[in-house]
């Protein structure tokens, strides 16, 4: 039960490999449908995460988008996208894990 305080929660990942593994699970549950398993997105609908200049440009913006969603036009790798990403109902740890997974995959090099 979601509100059952007696439910056992999984331990928090403590190492980078554990964060990446937990993030891959969260990605599969929340991001996969639009951004696809390989991070390439859906042509003309949802932008890629793999090798994404937009994602790579600002990690804080990426966190904000996961937290609050995004509407309106963006340009990713020279291509315009105008769709909606809803805010995700993830905990702070889940957001950290999923973005750790994303930034550790598909040749993304984060810039801070």
C-alpha atoms as a PDB file:
ATOM      1  CA  UNK A   1       0.000   0.000   0.000  1.00  0.00           C
ATOM      2  CA  UNK A   2       1.468   3.390  -0.950  1.00  0.00           C
ATOM      3  CA  UNK A   3       0.670   5.055   2.392  1.00  0.00           C
ATOM      4  CA  UNK A   4       1.536   2.053   4.522  1.00  0.00           C
ATOM      5  CA  UNK A   5       4.245   3.308   6.909  1.00  0.00           C
ATOM      6  CA  UNK A   6       5.175  -0.263   7.779  1.00  0.00           C
ATOM      7  CA  UNK A   7       6.190  -1.051   4.215  1.00  0.00           C
ATOM      8  CA  UNK A   8       9.833  -1.970   3.825  1.00  0.00           C
ATOM      9  CA  UNK A   9      11.804   0.506   1.735  1.00  0.00           C
ATOM     10  CA  UNK A  10      14.848  -0.413  -0.265  1.00  0.00           C
ATOM     11  CA  UNK A  11      18.179   0.830   1.039  1.00  0.00           C
ATOM     12  CA  UNK A  12      19.521   3.971  -0.637  1.00  0.00           C
ATOM     13  CA  UNK A  13      22.255   3.347  -3.174  1.00  0.00           C
ATOM     14  CA  UNK A  14      25.618   4.322  -1.731  1.00  0.00           C
ATOM     15  CA  UNK A  15      28.023   3.796  -4.617  1.00  0.00           C
ATOM     16  CA  UNK A  16      28.044   5.094  -8.180  1.00  0.00           C
ATOM     17  CA  UNK A  17      27.300   1.639  -9.665  1.00  0.00           C
ATOM     18  CA  UNK A  18      24.343   1.263  -7.256  1.00  0.00           C
ATOM     19  CA  UNK A  19      23.026   4.742  -8.195  1.00  0.00           C
ATOM     20  CA  UNK A  20      23.319   3.924 -11.892  1.00  0.00           C
ATOM     21  CA  UNK A  21      21.486   0.606 -11.405  1.00  0.00           C
ATOM     22  CA  UNK A  22      18.716   2.269  -9.375  1.00  0.00           C
ATOM     23  CA  UNK A  23      18.513   5.053 -11.955  1.00  0.00           C
ATOM     24  CA  UNK A  24      18.151   2.557 -14.790  1.00  0.00           C
ATOM     25  CA  UNK A  25      15.139   1.059 -13.011  1.00  0.00           C
ATOM     26  CA  UNK A  26      13.581   4.495 -12.455  1.00  0.00           C
ATOM     27  CA  UNK A  27      14.300   5.426 -16.090  1.00  0.00           C
ATOM     28  CA  UNK A  28      12.540   2.278 -17.254  1.00  0.00           C
ATOM     29  CA  UNK A  29       9.463   3.198 -15.226  1.00  0.00           C
ATOM     30  CA  UNK A  30       9.234   6.919 -15.960  1.00  0.00           C
ATOM     31  CA  UNK A  31      11.320   7.976 -18.970  1.00  0.00           C
ATOM     32  CA  UNK A  32      11.434   4.977 -21.289  1.00  0.00           C
ATOM     33  CA  UNK A  33       8.124   5.546 -23.103  1.00  0.00           C
ATOM     34  CA  UNK A  34       9.138   8.928 -24.514  1.00  0.00           C
ATOM     35  CA  UNK A  35      12.928   8.865 -24.541  1.00  0.00           C
ATOM     36  CA  UNK A  36      13.254   5.161 -25.430  1.00  0.00           C
ATOM     37  CA  UNK A  37      15.602   2.530 -24.046  1.00  0.00           C
ATOM     38  CA  UNK A  38      18.611   3.913 -25.895  1.00  0.00           C
ATOM     39  CA  UNK A  39      17.884   7.578 -25.101  1.00  0.00           C
ATOM     40  CA  UNK A  40      17.232   8.460 -28.742  1.00  0.00           C
ATOM     41  CA  UNK A  41      13.719   9.829 -28.149  1.00  0.00           C
ATOM     42  CA  UNK A  42      10.910   9.667 -30.693  1.00  0.00           C
ATOM     43  CA  UNK A  43      11.479  11.487 -33.979  1.00  0.00           C
ATOM     44  CA  UNK A  44       9.468  14.714 -34.246  1.00  0.00           C
ATOM     45  CA  UNK A  45       7.861  14.115 -30.855  1.00  0.00           C
ATOM     46  CA  UNK A  46      10.259  13.654 -27.930  1.00  0.00           C
ATOM     47  CA  UNK A  47      13.868  14.825 -27.944  1.00  0.00           C
ATOM     48  CA  UNK A  48      16.834  12.532 -27.514  1.00  0.00           C
ATOM     49  CA  UNK A  49      18.815  12.351 -24.314  1.00  0.00           C
ATOM     50  CA  UNK A  50      21.668  10.482 -25.991  1.00  0.00           C
ATOM     51  CA  UNK A  51      24.357  12.933 -27.128  1.00  0.00           C
ATOM     52  CA  UNK A  52      21.948  15.789 -26.352  1.00  0.00           C
ATOM     53  CA  UNK A  53      23.502  19.239 -26.432  1.00  0.00           C
ATOM     54  CA  UNK A  54      20.462  20.603 -24.581  1.00  0.00           C
ATOM     55  CA  UNK A  55      20.772  18.120 -21.715  1.00  0.00           C
ATOM     56  CA  UNK A  56      24.531  18.483 -21.615  1.00  0.00           C
ATOM     57  CA  UNK A  57      24.454  22.294 -21.420  1.00  0.00           C
ATOM     58  CA  UNK A  58      22.905  22.661 -17.953  1.00  0.00           C
ATOM     59  CA  UNK A  59      22.498  19.917 -15.333  1.00  0.00           C
ATOM     60  CA  UNK A  60      20.452  22.248 -13.098  1.00  0.00           C
ATOM     61  CA  UNK A  61      17.984  22.806 -15.931  1.00  0.00           C
ATOM     62  CA  UNK A  62      17.722  19.029 -16.345  1.00  0.00           C
ATOM     63  CA  UNK A  63      16.886  18.642 -12.644  1.00  0.00           C
ATOM     64  CA  UNK A  64      14.314  21.444 -12.886  1.00  0.00           C
ATOM     65  CA  UNK A  65      12.631  19.817 -15.884  1.00  0.00           C
ATOM     66  CA  UNK A  66      12.325  16.484 -14.099  1.00  0.00           C
ATOM     67  CA  UNK A  67      10.925  18.252 -11.029  1.00  0.00           C
ATOM     68  CA  UNK A  68       8.571  20.715 -12.731  1.00  0.00           C
ATOM     69  CA  UNK A  69       8.083  19.506 -16.282  1.00  0.00           C
ATOM     70  CA  UNK A  70       8.585  21.510 -19.472  1.00  0.00           C
ATOM     71  CA  UNK A  71       6.306  22.921 -22.117  1.00  0.00           C
ATOM     72  CA  UNK A  72       7.178  24.939 -25.176  1.00  0.00           C
ATOM     73  CA  UNK A  73       9.730  24.795 -27.903  1.00  0.00           C
ATOM     74  CA  UNK A  74      13.292  23.672 -27.297  1.00  0.00           C
ATOM     75  CA  UNK A  75      16.122  22.974 -29.712  1.00  0.00           C
ATOM     76  CA  UNK A  76      18.098  19.771 -29.258  1.00  0.00           C
ATOM     77  CA  UNK A  77      21.043  19.038 -31.511  1.00  0.00           C
ATOM     78  CA  UNK A  78      19.770  21.642 -33.993  1.00  0.00           C
ATOM     79  CA  UNK A  79      16.246  20.185 -34.195  1.00  0.00           C
ATOM     80  CA  UNK A  80      13.171  21.900 -32.733  1.00  0.00           C
ATOM     81  CA  UNK A  81      10.782  20.031 -30.430  1.00  0.00           C
ATOM     82  CA  UNK A  82       7.540  21.435 -29.090  1.00  0.00           C
ATOM     83  CA  UNK A  83       5.975  18.877 -26.805  1.00  0.00           C
ATOM     84  CA  UNK A  84       5.145  18.511 -23.134  1.00  0.00           C
ATOM     85  CA  UNK A  85       7.106  16.731 -20.450  1.00  0.00           C
ATOM     86  CA  UNK A  86       5.082  16.400 -17.304  1.00  0.00           C
ATOM     87  CA  UNK A  87       6.632  16.844 -13.877  1.00  0.00           C
ATOM     88  CA  UNK A  88       7.751  13.474 -12.567  1.00  0.00           C
ATOM     89  CA  UNK A  89       6.618  12.182  -9.205  1.00  0.00           C
ATOM     90  CA  UNK A  90      10.042  11.039  -8.065  1.00  0.00           C
ATOM     91  CA  UNK A  91      11.800  11.551  -4.770  1.00  0.00           C
ATOM     92  CA  UNK A  92      14.996  13.602  -4.690  1.00  0.00           C
ATOM     93  CA  UNK A  93      17.001  10.382  -4.469  1.00  0.00           C
ATOM     94  CA  UNK A  94      15.168   8.893  -7.462  1.00  0.00           C
ATOM     95  CA  UNK A  95      15.832  12.067  -9.488  1.00  0.00           C
ATOM     96  CA  UNK A  96      19.517  11.904  -8.552  1.00  0.00           C
ATOM     97  CA  UNK A  97      19.628   8.240  -9.522  1.00  0.00           C
ATOM     98  CA  UNK A  98      17.842   8.610 -12.848  1.00  0.00           C
ATOM     99  CA  UNK A  99      19.972  11.573 -13.886  1.00  0.00           C
ATOM    100  CA  UNK A 100      23.107   9.747 -12.752  1.00  0.00           C
ATOM    101  CA  UNK A 101      22.035   6.887 -15.017  1.00  0.00           C
ATOM    102  CA  UNK A 102      21.265   9.229 -17.919  1.00  0.00           C
ATOM    103  CA  UNK A 103      24.523  11.167 -17.577  1.00  0.00           C
ATOM    104  CA  UNK A 104      26.439   7.873 -17.344  1.00  0.00           C
ATOM    105  CA  UNK A 105      24.908   6.545 -20.557  1.00  0.00           C
ATOM    106  CA  UNK A 106      24.907   7.357 -24.258  1.00  0.00           C
ATOM    107  CA  UNK A 107      28.049   9.489 -24.434  1.00  0.00           C
ATOM    108  CA  UNK A 108      26.656  12.374 -22.394  1.00  0.00           C
ATOM    109  CA  UNK A 109      29.270  14.492 -20.664  1.00  0.00           C
ATOM    110  CA  UNK A 110      27.640  16.781 -18.146  1.00  0.00           C
ATOM    111  CA  UNK A 111      28.782  20.347 -17.773  1.00  0.00           C
ATOM    112  CA  UNK A 112      28.293  22.115 -14.473  1.00  0.00           C
END
